[in-house]
Amino acid sequence: MPRAVRATDEILKDYQHVVEDFKLIPSGGGRFELLVNGELAYSKKATGRHAEDGEVLKIFEGIIGPDVPKYND
């Protein structure tokens, strides 16, 4: 499974109840960016590396805060 799809799956599995809009846009050159509320939260171009497994989910959780429960908690 491609990394972007894995990261998407991690977020939507746990936080589908708070995500209002989600876009996965294919592009060339291995570009991968995560925007939350219009703000850049992760960029492969800026870091020069792929996100580690679970890293994008942790960034997302840090942005939405600890008071948001996971789906079905």
Protein backbone atom coordinates (compact mmCIF):
# COMPACT_ATOMS: atom_id res chain seq x y z
CA MET A 1 0.00 0.00 0.00
CA PRO A 2 1.46 3.42 -0.92
CA ARG A 3 2.56 5.56 2.02
CA ALA A 4 0.06 8.34 1.32
CA VAL A 5 -2.81 5.86 1.31
CA ARG A 6 -1.55 4.30 4.56
CA ALA A 7 -1.37 7.73 6.23
CA THR A 8 -4.89 8.52 4.97
CA ASP A 9 -6.20 5.24 6.33
CA GLU A 10 -4.64 5.87 9.76
CA ILE A 11 -6.29 9.29 10.08
CA LEU A 12 -9.71 8.32 8.74
CA LYS A 13 -9.88 5.09 10.78
CA ASP A 14 -9.51 7.00 14.06
CA TYR A 15 -10.88 10.45 13.22
CA GLN A 16 -13.47 10.08 10.47
CA HIS A 17 -16.01 11.80 12.72
CA VAL A 18 -14.02 15.08 12.78
CA VAL A 19 -12.66 15.22 9.21
CA GLU A 20 -14.90 17.42 7.07
CA ASP A 21 -12.85 17.38 3.88
CA PHE A 22 -10.09 15.08 2.72
CA LYS A 23 -8.30 15.22 -0.62
CA LEU A 24 -5.65 12.85 -1.87
CA ILE A 25 -4.18 14.43 -4.99
CA PRO A 26 -1.66 12.44 -7.07
CA SER A 27 1.42 14.32 -8.21
CA GLY A 28 4.81 13.60 -9.67
CA GLY A 29 8.16 13.41 -7.95
CA GLY A 30 6.95 11.69 -4.79
CA ARG A 31 5.53 14.90 -3.32
CA PHE A 32 3.52 14.40 -0.14
CA GLU A 33 2.00 17.17 1.95
CA LEU A 34 -0.53 17.16 4.77
CA LEU A 35 -2.62 20.27 5.29
CA VAL A 36 -4.90 20.61 8.30
CA ASN A 37 -7.34 23.53 8.28
CA GLY A 38 -5.39 25.00 5.38
CA GLU A 39 -2.06 24.94 7.26
CA LEU A 40 0.88 22.83 6.14
CA ALA A 41 1.45 20.18 8.81
CA TYR A 42 3.91 17.87 7.01
CA SER A 43 5.86 18.17 3.78
CA LYS A 44 8.11 15.51 2.30
CA LYS A 45 9.73 18.23 0.20
CA ALA A 46 10.57 20.30 3.30
CA THR A 47 11.83 17.35 5.37
CA GLY A 48 13.58 15.59 2.48
CA ARG A 49 12.20 12.23 3.59
CA HIS A 50 9.08 10.09 3.72
CA ALA A 51 7.09 10.22 6.93
CA GLU A 52 7.66 7.26 9.23
CA ASP A 53 4.73 4.93 9.89
CA GLY A 54 2.37 6.66 12.32
CA GLU A 55 4.19 10.02 12.08
CA VAL A 56 1.46 11.78 10.08
CA LEU A 57 -1.19 10.49 12.50
CA LYS A 58 0.77 11.86 15.48
CA ILE A 59 1.10 15.25 13.77
CA PHE A 60 -2.65 15.27 13.07
CA GLU A 61 -3.44 14.33 16.67
CA GLY A 62 -1.17 17.12 17.91
CA ILE A 63 -3.08 19.64 15.82
CA ILE A 64 -6.60 18.55 16.78
CA GLY A 65 -5.65 18.26 20.44
CA PRO A 66 -6.06 15.68 23.18
CA ASP A 67 -9.74 16.42 23.83
CA VAL A 68 -10.90 14.86 20.55
CA PRO A 69 -11.72 11.18 21.15
CA LYS A 70 -10.94 8.51 18.58
CA TYR A 71 -13.83 7.12 16.58
CA ASN A 72 -15.70 4.44 18.57
CA ASP A 73 -13.87 5.24 21.83
